[in-house]
PDB file of N, CA and C in Angstrom:
ATOM      1  N   UNK A   1      20.740 -29.560  -3.659  1.00  0.00           N
ATOM      2  CA  UNK A   1      19.441 -29.581  -4.314  1.00  0.00           C
ATOM      3  C   UNK A   1      18.506 -28.525  -3.723  1.00  0.00           C
ATOM      4  N   UNK A   2      18.473 -28.445  -2.413  1.00  0.00           N
ATOM      5  CA  UNK A   2      17.598 -27.455  -1.778  1.00  0.00           C
ATOM      6  C   UNK A   2      17.987 -26.034  -2.168  1.00  0.00           C
ATOM      7  N   UNK A   3      19.267 -25.790  -2.220  1.00  0.00           N
ATOM      8  CA  UNK A   3      19.749 -24.466  -2.570  1.00  0.00           C
ATOM      9  C   UNK A   3      19.243 -24.038  -3.944  1.00  0.00           C
ATOM     10  N   UNK A   4      19.171 -24.952  -4.856  1.00  0.00           N
ATOM     11  CA  UNK A   4      18.666 -24.676  -6.197  1.00  0.00           C
ATOM     12  C   UNK A   4      17.185 -24.269  -6.145  1.00  0.00           C
ATOM     13  N   UNK A   5      16.416 -24.967  -5.343  1.00  0.00           N
ATOM     14  CA  UNK A   5      14.997 -24.631  -5.185  1.00  0.00           C
ATOM     15  C   UNK A   5      14.822 -23.244  -4.578  1.00  0.00           C
ATOM     16  N   UNK A   6      15.625 -22.957  -3.593  1.00  0.00           N
ATOM     17  CA  UNK A   6      15.547 -21.640  -2.944  1.00  0.00           C
ATOM     18  C   UNK A   6      15.858 -20.545  -3.960  1.00  0.00           C
ATOM     19  N   UNK A   7      16.864 -20.747  -4.783  1.00  0.00           N
ATOM     20  CA  UNK A   7      17.225 -19.757  -5.798  1.00  0.00           C
ATOM     21  C   UNK A   7      16.093 -19.517  -6.786  1.00  0.00           C
ATOM     22  N   UNK A   8      15.443 -20.600  -7.209  1.00  0.00           N
ATOM     23  CA  UNK A   8      14.314 -20.471  -8.143  1.00  0.00           C
ATOM     24  C   UNK A   8      13.169 -19.682  -7.505  1.00  0.00           C
ATOM     25  N   UNK A   9      12.879 -20.010  -6.273  1.00  0.00           N
ATOM     26  CA  UNK A   9      11.788 -19.326  -5.570  1.00  0.00           C
ATOM     27  C   UNK A   9      12.138 -17.855  -5.358  1.00  0.00           C
ATOM     28  N   UNK A  10      13.386 -17.587  -5.036  1.00  0.00           N
ATOM     29  CA  UNK A  10      13.812 -16.191  -4.838  1.00  0.00           C
ATOM     30  C   UNK A  10      13.731 -15.394  -6.132  1.00  0.00           C
ATOM     31  N   UNK A  11      14.013 -16.020  -7.258  1.00  0.00           N
ATOM     32  CA  UNK A  11      13.868 -15.338  -8.551  1.00  0.00           C
ATOM     33  C   UNK A  11      12.401 -14.965  -8.781  1.00  0.00           C
ATOM     34  N   UNK A  12      11.514 -15.865  -8.419  1.00  0.00           N
ATOM     35  CA  UNK A  12      10.083 -15.575  -8.542  1.00  0.00           C
ATOM     36  C   UNK A  12       9.680 -14.431  -7.608  1.00  0.00           C
ATOM     37  N   UNK A  13      10.233 -14.446  -6.414  1.00  0.00           N
ATOM     38  CA  UNK A  13       9.953 -13.350  -5.469  1.00  0.00           C
ATOM     39  C   UNK A  13      10.477 -12.018  -6.024  1.00  0.00           C
ATOM     40  N   UNK A  14      11.659 -12.041  -6.603  1.00  0.00           N
ATOM     41  CA  UNK A  14      12.231 -10.827  -7.201  1.00  0.00           C
ATOM     42  C   UNK A  14      11.342 -10.295  -8.320  1.00  0.00           C
ATOM     43  N   UNK A  15      10.818 -11.205  -9.109  1.00  0.00           N
ATOM     44  CA  UNK A  15       9.922 -10.805 -10.199  1.00  0.00           C
ATOM     45  C   UNK A  15       8.640 -10.177  -9.643  1.00  0.00           C
ATOM     46  N   UNK A  16       8.112 -10.774  -8.598  1.00  0.00           N
ATOM     47  CA  UNK A  16       6.928 -10.205  -7.950  1.00  0.00           C
ATOM     48  C   UNK A  16       7.233  -8.830  -7.358  1.00  0.00           C
ATOM     49  N   UNK A  17       8.408  -8.689  -6.770  1.00  0.00           N
ATOM     50  CA  UNK A  17       8.811  -7.395  -6.214  1.00  0.00           C
ATOM     51  C   UNK A  17       8.818  -6.318  -7.294  1.00  0.00           C
ATOM     52  N   UNK A  18       9.298  -6.664  -8.469  1.00  0.00           N
ATOM     53  CA  UNK A  18       9.298  -5.710  -9.580  1.00  0.00           C
ATOM     54  C   UNK A  18       7.878  -5.283  -9.944  1.00  0.00           C
ATOM     55  N   UNK A  19       6.977  -6.240  -9.949  1.00  0.00           N
ATOM     56  CA  UNK A  19       5.571  -5.926 -10.248  1.00  0.00           C
ATOM     57  C   UNK A  19       4.962  -5.055  -9.151  1.00  0.00           C
ATOM     58  N   UNK A  20       5.318  -5.360  -7.917  1.00  0.00           N
ATOM     59  CA  UNK A  20       4.817  -4.543  -6.801  1.00  0.00           C
ATOM     60  C   UNK A  20       5.326  -3.101  -6.900  1.00  0.00           C
ATOM     61  N   UNK A  21       6.575  -2.960  -7.302  1.00  0.00           N
ATOM     62  CA  UNK A  21       7.127  -1.611  -7.474  1.00  0.00           C
ATOM     63  C   UNK A  21       6.338  -0.818  -8.514  1.00  0.00           C
ATOM     64  N   UNK A  22       5.966  -1.472  -9.586  1.00  0.00           N
ATOM     65  CA  UNK A  22       5.160  -0.804 -10.611  1.00  0.00           C
ATOM     66  C   UNK A  22       3.793  -0.403 -10.054  1.00  0.00           C
ATOM     67  N   UNK A  23       3.220  -1.247  -9.230  1.00  0.00           N
ATOM     68  CA  UNK A  23       1.930  -0.915  -8.609  1.00  0.00           C
ATOM     69  C   UNK A  23       2.066   0.252  -7.631  1.00  0.00           C
ATOM     70  N   UNK A  24       3.161   0.277  -6.891  1.00  0.00           N
ATOM     71  CA  UNK A  24       3.393   1.393  -5.971  1.00  0.00           C
ATOM     72  C   UNK A  24       3.533   2.695  -6.762  1.00  0.00           C
ATOM     73  N   UNK A  25       4.190   2.633  -7.885  1.00  0.00           N
ATOM     74  CA  UNK A  25       4.325   3.824  -8.731  1.00  0.00           C
ATOM     75  C   UNK A  25       2.951   4.308  -9.198  1.00  0.00           C
ATOM     76  N   UNK A  26       2.120   3.375  -9.659  1.00  0.00           N
ATOM     77  CA  UNK A  26       0.767   3.739 -10.104  1.00  0.00           C
ATOM     78  C   UNK A  26      -0.046   4.322  -8.953  1.00  0.00           C
ATOM     79  N   UNK A  27       0.089   3.717  -7.779  1.00  0.00           N
ATOM     80  CA  UNK A  27      -0.645   4.206  -6.613  1.00  0.00           C
ATOM     81  C   UNK A  27      -0.165   5.611  -6.226  1.00  0.00           C
ATOM     82  N   UNK A  28       1.127   5.820  -6.320  1.00  0.00           N
ATOM     83  CA  UNK A  28       1.702   7.135  -6.003  1.00  0.00           C
ATOM     84  C   UNK A  28       1.133   8.222  -6.909  1.00  0.00           C
ATOM     85  N   UNK A  29       0.989   7.909  -8.168  1.00  0.00           N
ATOM     86  CA  UNK A  29       0.434   8.884  -9.118  1.00  0.00           C
ATOM     87  C   UNK A  29      -1.014   9.231  -8.759  1.00  0.00           C
ATOM     88  N   UNK A  30      -1.771   8.232  -8.339  1.00  0.00           N
ATOM     89  CA  UNK A  30      -3.155   8.492  -7.923  1.00  0.00           C
ATOM     90  C   UNK A  30      -3.200   9.319  -6.634  1.00  0.00           C
ATOM     91  N   UNK A  31      -2.305   9.011  -5.720  1.00  0.00           N
ATOM     92  CA  UNK A  31      -2.229   9.789  -4.479  1.00  0.00           C
ATOM     93  C   UNK A  31      -1.847  11.236  -4.806  1.00  0.00           C
ATOM     94  N   UNK A  32      -0.965  11.435  -5.761  1.00  0.00           N
ATOM     95  CA  UNK A  32      -0.603  12.794  -6.190  1.00  0.00           C
ATOM     96  C   UNK A  32      -1.826  13.551  -6.697  1.00  0.00           C
ATOM     97  N   UNK A  33      -2.665  12.870  -7.453  1.00  0.00           N
ATOM     98  CA  UNK A  33      -3.875  13.519  -7.970  1.00  0.00           C
ATOM     99  C   UNK A  33      -4.816  13.903  -6.829  1.00  0.00           C
ATOM    100  N   UNK A  34      -4.949  13.029  -5.862  1.00  0.00           N
ATOM    101  CA  UNK A  34      -5.802  13.336  -4.710  1.00  0.00           C
ATOM    102  C   UNK A  34      -5.209  14.502  -3.924  1.00  0.00           C
ATOM    103  N   UNK A  35      -3.907  14.475  -3.738  1.00  0.00           N
ATOM    104  CA  UNK A  35      -3.231  15.525  -2.970  1.00  0.00           C
ATOM    105  C   UNK A  35      -3.447  16.906  -3.592  1.00  0.00           C
ATOM    106  N   UNK A  36      -3.495  16.967  -4.899  1.00  0.00           N
ATOM    107  CA  UNK A  36      -3.726  18.247  -5.586  1.00  0.00           C
ATOM    108  C   UNK A  36      -5.106  18.820  -5.259  1.00  0.00           C
ATOM    109  N   UNK A  37      -6.016  17.970  -4.817  1.00  0.00           N
ATOM    110  CA  UNK A  37      -7.368  18.417  -4.488  1.00  0.00           C
ATOM    111  C   UNK A  37      -7.552  18.725  -3.010  1.00  0.00           C
ATOM    112  N   UNK A  38      -6.489  18.623  -2.237  1.00  0.00           N
ATOM    113  CA  UNK A  38      -6.559  18.928  -0.807  1.00  0.00           C
ATOM    114  C   UNK A  38      -6.008  20.329  -0.572  1.00  0.00           C
ATOM    115  N   UNK A  39      -6.792  21.130   0.129  1.00  0.00           N
ATOM    116  CA  UNK A  39      -6.399  22.515   0.366  1.00  0.00           C
ATOM    117  C   UNK A  39      -5.718  22.726   1.713  1.00  0.00           C
ATOM    118  N   UNK A  40      -5.977  21.818   2.644  1.00  0.00           N
ATOM    119  CA  UNK A  40      -5.419  21.964   3.989  1.00  0.00           C
ATOM    120  C   UNK A  40      -4.748  20.663   4.417  1.00  0.00           C
ATOM    121  N   UNK A  41      -3.700  20.818   5.213  1.00  0.00           N
ATOM    122  CA  UNK A  41      -2.961  19.645   5.707  1.00  0.00           C
ATOM    123  C   UNK A  41      -3.843  18.715   6.530  1.00  0.00           C
ATOM    124  N   UNK A  42      -4.822  19.265   7.205  1.00  0.00           N
ATOM    125  CA  UNK A  42      -5.670  18.407   8.040  1.00  0.00           C
ATOM    126  C   UNK A  42      -6.605  17.523   7.210  1.00  0.00           C
ATOM    127  N   UNK A  43      -6.587  17.673   5.916  1.00  0.00           N
ATOM    128  CA  UNK A  43      -7.366  16.805   5.028  1.00  0.00           C
ATOM    129  C   UNK A  43      -6.594  15.534   4.655  1.00  0.00           C
ATOM    130  N   UNK A  44      -5.338  15.479   5.010  1.00  0.00           N
ATOM    131  CA  UNK A  44      -4.500  14.357   4.590  1.00  0.00           C
ATOM    132  C   UNK A  44      -4.939  13.048   5.252  1.00  0.00           C
ATOM    133  N   UNK A  45      -5.172  13.059   6.554  1.00  0.00           N
ATOM    134  CA  UNK A  45      -5.566  11.833   7.252  1.00  0.00           C
ATOM    135  C   UNK A  45      -7.085  11.775   7.359  1.00  0.00           C
ATOM    136  N   UNK A  46      -7.653  10.731   6.785  1.00  0.00           N
ATOM    137  CA  UNK A  46      -9.098  10.499   6.842  1.00  0.00           C
ATOM    138  C   UNK A  46      -9.322   9.175   7.574  1.00  0.00           C
ATOM    139  N   UNK A  47      -9.543   9.263   8.877  1.00  0.00           N
ATOM    140  CA  UNK A  47      -9.654   8.060   9.706  1.00  0.00           C
ATOM    141  C   UNK A  47     -10.809   7.162   9.282  1.00  0.00           C
ATOM    142  N   UNK A  48     -11.887   7.763   8.855  1.00  0.00           N
ATOM    143  CA  UNK A  48     -13.037   6.965   8.406  1.00  0.00           C
ATOM    144  C   UNK A  48     -12.659   6.151   7.168  1.00  0.00           C
ATOM    145  N   UNK A  49     -11.975   6.780   6.247  1.00  0.00           N
ATOM    146  CA  UNK A  49     -11.530   6.103   5.017  1.00  0.00           C
ATOM    147  C   UNK A  49     -10.560   4.971   5.350  1.00  0.00           C
ATOM    148  N   UNK A  50      -9.638   5.219   6.275  1.00  0.00           N
ATOM    149  CA  UNK A  50      -8.667   4.193   6.670  1.00  0.00           C
ATOM    150  C   UNK A  50      -9.394   2.992   7.262  1.00  0.00           C
ATOM    151  N   UNK A  51     -10.346   3.253   8.115  1.00  0.00           N
ATOM    152  CA  UNK A  51     -11.121   2.170   8.729  1.00  0.00           C
ATOM    153  C   UNK A  51     -11.850   1.355   7.663  1.00  0.00           C
ATOM    154  N   UNK A  52     -12.428   2.029   6.695  1.00  0.00           N
ATOM    155  CA  UNK A  52     -13.139   1.353   5.598  1.00  0.00           C
ATOM    156  C   UNK A  52     -12.186   0.493   4.776  1.00  0.00           C
ATOM    157  N   UNK A  53     -11.011   1.022   4.483  1.00  0.00           N
ATOM    158  CA  UNK A  53     -10.016   0.281   3.696  1.00  0.00           C
ATOM    159  C   UNK A  53      -9.604  -0.987   4.436  1.00  0.00           C
ATOM    160  N   UNK A  54      -9.270  -0.856   5.700  1.00  0.00           N
ATOM    161  CA  UNK A  54      -8.800  -2.005   6.484  1.00  0.00           C
ATOM    162  C   UNK A  54      -9.890  -3.072   6.579  1.00  0.00           C
ATOM    163  N   UNK A  55     -11.107  -2.640   6.778  1.00  0.00           N
ATOM    164  CA  UNK A  55     -12.229  -3.576   6.857  1.00  0.00           C
ATOM    165  C   UNK A  55     -12.387  -4.345   5.537  1.00  0.00           C
ATOM    166  N   UNK A  56     -12.287  -3.623   4.432  1.00  0.00           N
ATOM    167  CA  UNK A  56     -12.416  -4.236   3.105  1.00  0.00           C
ATOM    168  C   UNK A  56     -11.268  -5.219   2.842  1.00  0.00           C
ATOM    169  N   UNK A  57     -10.068  -4.835   3.220  1.00  0.00           N
ATOM    170  CA  UNK A  57      -8.899  -5.699   3.007  1.00  0.00           C
ATOM    171  C   UNK A  57      -9.024  -6.981   3.832  1.00  0.00           C
ATOM    172  N   UNK A  58      -9.477  -6.859   5.064  1.00  0.00           N
ATOM    173  CA  UNK A  58      -9.661  -8.052   5.900  1.00  0.00           C
ATOM    174  C   UNK A  58     -10.681  -8.997   5.275  1.00  0.00           C
ATOM    175  N   UNK A  59     -11.788  -8.446   4.827  1.00  0.00           N
ATOM    176  CA  UNK A  59     -12.849  -9.248   4.215  1.00  0.00           C
ATOM    177  C   UNK A  59     -12.342  -9.958   2.952  1.00  0.00           C
ATOM    178  N   UNK A  60     -11.661  -9.212   2.106  1.00  0.00           N
ATOM    179  CA  UNK A  60     -11.144  -9.802   0.868  1.00  0.00           C
ATOM    180  C   UNK A  60     -10.047 -10.823   1.141  1.00  0.00           C
ATOM    181  N   UNK A  61      -9.259 -10.572   2.152  1.00  0.00           N
ATOM    182  CA  UNK A  61      -8.199 -11.518   2.529  1.00  0.00           C
ATOM    183  C   UNK A  61      -8.795 -12.853   2.937  1.00  0.00           C
ATOM    184  N   UNK A  62      -9.832 -12.804   3.732  1.00  0.00           N
ATOM    185  CA  UNK A  62     -10.493 -14.042   4.153  1.00  0.00           C
ATOM    186  C   UNK A  62     -11.056 -14.796   2.951  1.00  0.00           C
ATOM    187  N   UNK A  63     -11.666 -14.079   2.040  1.00  0.00           N
ATOM    188  CA  UNK A  63     -12.212 -14.718   0.836  1.00  0.00           C
ATOM    189  C   UNK A  63     -11.117 -15.381   0.009  1.00  0.00           C
ATOM    190  N   UNK A  64      -9.958 -14.749  -0.029  1.00  0.00           N
ATOM    191  CA  UNK A  64      -8.851 -15.272  -0.839  1.00  0.00           C
ATOM    192  C   UNK A  64      -7.942 -16.217  -0.051  1.00  0.00           C
ATOM    193  N   UNK A  65      -8.351 -16.478   1.194  1.00  0.00           N
ATOM    194  CA  UNK A  65      -7.589 -17.375   2.077  1.00  0.00           C
ATOM    195  C   UNK A  65      -6.165 -16.872   2.320  1.00  0.00           C
ATOM    196  N   UNK A  66      -6.077 -15.590   2.615  1.00  0.00           N
ATOM    197  CA  UNK A  66      -4.806 -14.964   2.984  1.00  0.00           C
ATOM    198  C   UNK A  66      -4.931 -14.570   4.453  1.00  0.00           C
ATOM    199  N   UNK A  67      -3.866 -14.717   5.184  1.00  0.00           N
ATOM    200  CA  UNK A  67      -3.878 -14.350   6.592  1.00  0.00           C
ATOM    201  C   UNK A  67      -4.261 -12.870   6.730  1.00  0.00           C
ATOM    202  N   UNK A  68      -5.429 -12.568   7.317  1.00  0.00           N
ATOM    203  CA  UNK A  68      -5.878 -11.176   7.403  1.00  0.00           C
ATOM    204  C   UNK A  68      -4.988 -10.289   8.278  1.00  0.00           C
ATOM    205  N   UNK A  69      -4.311 -10.882   9.233  1.00  0.00           N
ATOM    206  CA  UNK A  69      -3.386 -10.080  10.055  1.00  0.00           C
ATOM    207  C   UNK A  69      -2.196  -9.624   9.216  1.00  0.00           C
ATOM    208  N   UNK A  70      -1.745 -10.504   8.341  1.00  0.00           N
ATOM    209  CA  UNK A  70      -0.645 -10.150   7.442  1.00  0.00           C
ATOM    210  C   UNK A  70      -1.044  -8.983   6.547  1.00  0.00           C
ATOM    211  N   UNK A  71      -2.191  -9.115   5.892  1.00  0.00           N
ATOM    212  CA  UNK A  71      -2.594  -8.060   4.960  1.00  0.00           C
ATOM    213  C   UNK A  71      -2.937  -6.768   5.695  1.00  0.00           C
ATOM    214  N   UNK A  72      -3.543  -6.885   6.871  1.00  0.00           N
ATOM    215  CA  UNK A  72      -3.837  -5.660   7.630  1.00  0.00           C
ATOM    216  C   UNK A  72      -2.548  -4.923   7.971  1.00  0.00           C
ATOM    217  N   UNK A  73      -1.540  -5.662   8.420  1.00  0.00           N
ATOM    218  CA  UNK A  73      -0.258  -5.020   8.747  1.00  0.00           C
ATOM    219  C   UNK A  73       0.384  -4.374   7.521  1.00  0.00           C
ATOM    220  N   UNK A  74       0.308  -5.059   6.400  1.00  0.00           N
ATOM    221  CA  UNK A  74       0.878  -4.503   5.162  1.00  0.00           C
ATOM    222  C   UNK A  74       0.143  -3.217   4.796  1.00  0.00           C
ATOM    223  N   UNK A  75      -1.172  -3.257   4.818  1.00  0.00           N
ATOM    224  CA  UNK A  75      -1.948  -2.079   4.421  1.00  0.00           C
ATOM    225  C   UNK A  75      -1.777  -0.925   5.402  1.00  0.00           C
ATOM    226  N   UNK A  76      -1.734  -1.207   6.687  1.00  0.00           N
ATOM    227  CA  UNK A  76      -1.524  -0.127   7.660  1.00  0.00           C
ATOM    228  C   UNK A  76      -0.168   0.536   7.446  1.00  0.00           C
ATOM    229  N   UNK A  77       0.831  -0.273   7.166  1.00  0.00           N
ATOM    230  CA  UNK A  77       2.165   0.271   6.891  1.00  0.00           C
ATOM    231  C   UNK A  77       2.144   1.103   5.612  1.00  0.00           C
ATOM    232  N   UNK A  78       1.479   0.595   4.593  1.00  0.00           N
ATOM    233  CA  UNK A  78       1.392   1.318   3.327  1.00  0.00           C
ATOM    234  C   UNK A  78       0.638   2.643   3.520  1.00  0.00           C
ATOM    235  N   UNK A  79      -0.456   2.591   4.243  1.00  0.00           N
ATOM    236  CA  UNK A  79      -1.236   3.809   4.488  1.00  0.00           C
ATOM    237  C   UNK A  79      -0.398   4.840   5.233  1.00  0.00           C
ATOM    238  N   UNK A  80       0.299   4.399   6.290  1.00  0.00           N
ATOM    239  CA  UNK A  80       1.168   5.327   7.038  1.00  0.00           C
ATOM    240  C   UNK A  80       2.233   5.926   6.127  1.00  0.00           C
ATOM    241  N   UNK A  81       2.787   5.094   5.260  1.00  0.00           N
ATOM    242  CA  UNK A  81       3.836   5.568   4.348  1.00  0.00           C
ATOM    243  C   UNK A  81       3.294   6.591   3.358  1.00  0.00           C
ATOM    244  N   UNK A  82       2.091   6.362   2.849  1.00  0.00           N
ATOM    245  CA  UNK A  82       1.504   7.316   1.917  1.00  0.00           C
ATOM    246  C   UNK A  82       1.044   8.583   2.617  1.00  0.00           C
ATOM    247  N   UNK A  83       0.631   8.474   3.866  1.00  0.00           N
ATOM    248  CA  UNK A  83       0.303   9.683   4.643  1.00  0.00           C
ATOM    249  C   UNK A  83       1.565  10.529   4.800  1.00  0.00           C
ATOM    250  N   UNK A  84       2.657   9.868   5.138  1.00  0.00           N
ATOM    251  CA  UNK A  84       3.929  10.573   5.261  1.00  0.00           C
ATOM    252  C   UNK A  84       4.320  11.214   3.934  1.00  0.00           C
ATOM    253  N   UNK A  85       4.116  10.489   2.861  1.00  0.00           N
ATOM    254  CA  UNK A  85       4.395  10.996   1.515  1.00  0.00           C
ATOM    255  C   UNK A  85       3.560  12.249   1.241  1.00  0.00           C
ATOM    256  N   UNK A  86       2.290  12.202   1.597  1.00  0.00           N
ATOM    257  CA  UNK A  86       1.416  13.358   1.369  1.00  0.00           C
ATOM    258  C   UNK A  86       1.879  14.568   2.183  1.00  0.00           C
ATOM    259  N   UNK A  87       2.237  14.359   3.430  1.00  0.00           N
ATOM    260  CA  UNK A  87       2.723  15.467   4.258  1.00  0.00           C
ATOM    261  C   UNK A  87       3.982  16.090   3.640  1.00  0.00           C
ATOM    262  N   UNK A  88       4.859  15.241   3.172  1.00  0.00           N
ATOM    263  CA  UNK A  88       6.103  15.747   2.576  1.00  0.00           C
ATOM    264  C   UNK A  88       5.860  16.496   1.275  1.00  0.00           C
ATOM    265  N   UNK A  89       4.795  16.148   0.574  1.00  0.00           N
ATOM    266  CA  UNK A  89       4.541  16.740  -0.745  1.00  0.00           C
ATOM    267  C   UNK A  89       3.386  17.742  -0.765  1.00  0.00           C
ATOM    268  N   UNK A  90       2.808  17.985   0.388  1.00  0.00           N
ATOM    269  CA  UNK A  90       1.695  18.937   0.448  1.00  0.00           C
ATOM    270  C   UNK A  90       2.216  20.353   0.212  1.00  0.00           C
ATOM    271  N   UNK A  91       1.531  21.044  -0.665  1.00  0.00           N
ATOM    272  CA  UNK A  91       1.869  22.452  -0.923  1.00  0.00           C
ATOM    273  C   UNK A  91       0.601  23.270  -0.783  1.00  0.00           C
ATOM    274  N   UNK A  92       0.619  24.122   0.196  1.00  0.00           N
ATOM    275  CA  UNK A  92      -0.543  24.970   0.428  1.00  0.00           C
ATOM    276  C   UNK A  92      -0.670  25.959  -0.707  1.00  0.00           C
ATOM    277  N   UNK A  93      -1.890  26.061  -1.182  1.00  0.00           N
ATOM    278  CA  UNK A  93      -2.164  27.000  -2.279  1.00  0.00           C
ATOM    279  C   UNK A  93      -2.786  28.260  -1.759  1.00  0.00           C
TER     280      UNK A  93
END
């Protein structure tokens, strides 16, 4: 019986993963647009912006009753990944 419940929950998780993938794709396209407006590699990392994002995510997490440490870790990882993406795709004009 438990195994059946786990399978159902995992199917729901898989469905959510698919939705998250679509969101990552949309976010990537927006990051591409921003990257086109950057002329120098040193414009890729904006520490002030990162700090603002993390602060906002923590605040919203608390409002939504989500563990803020969890969301902060997710966002920091995502930010690092997109920074890496920008470095790999930066083309000096």
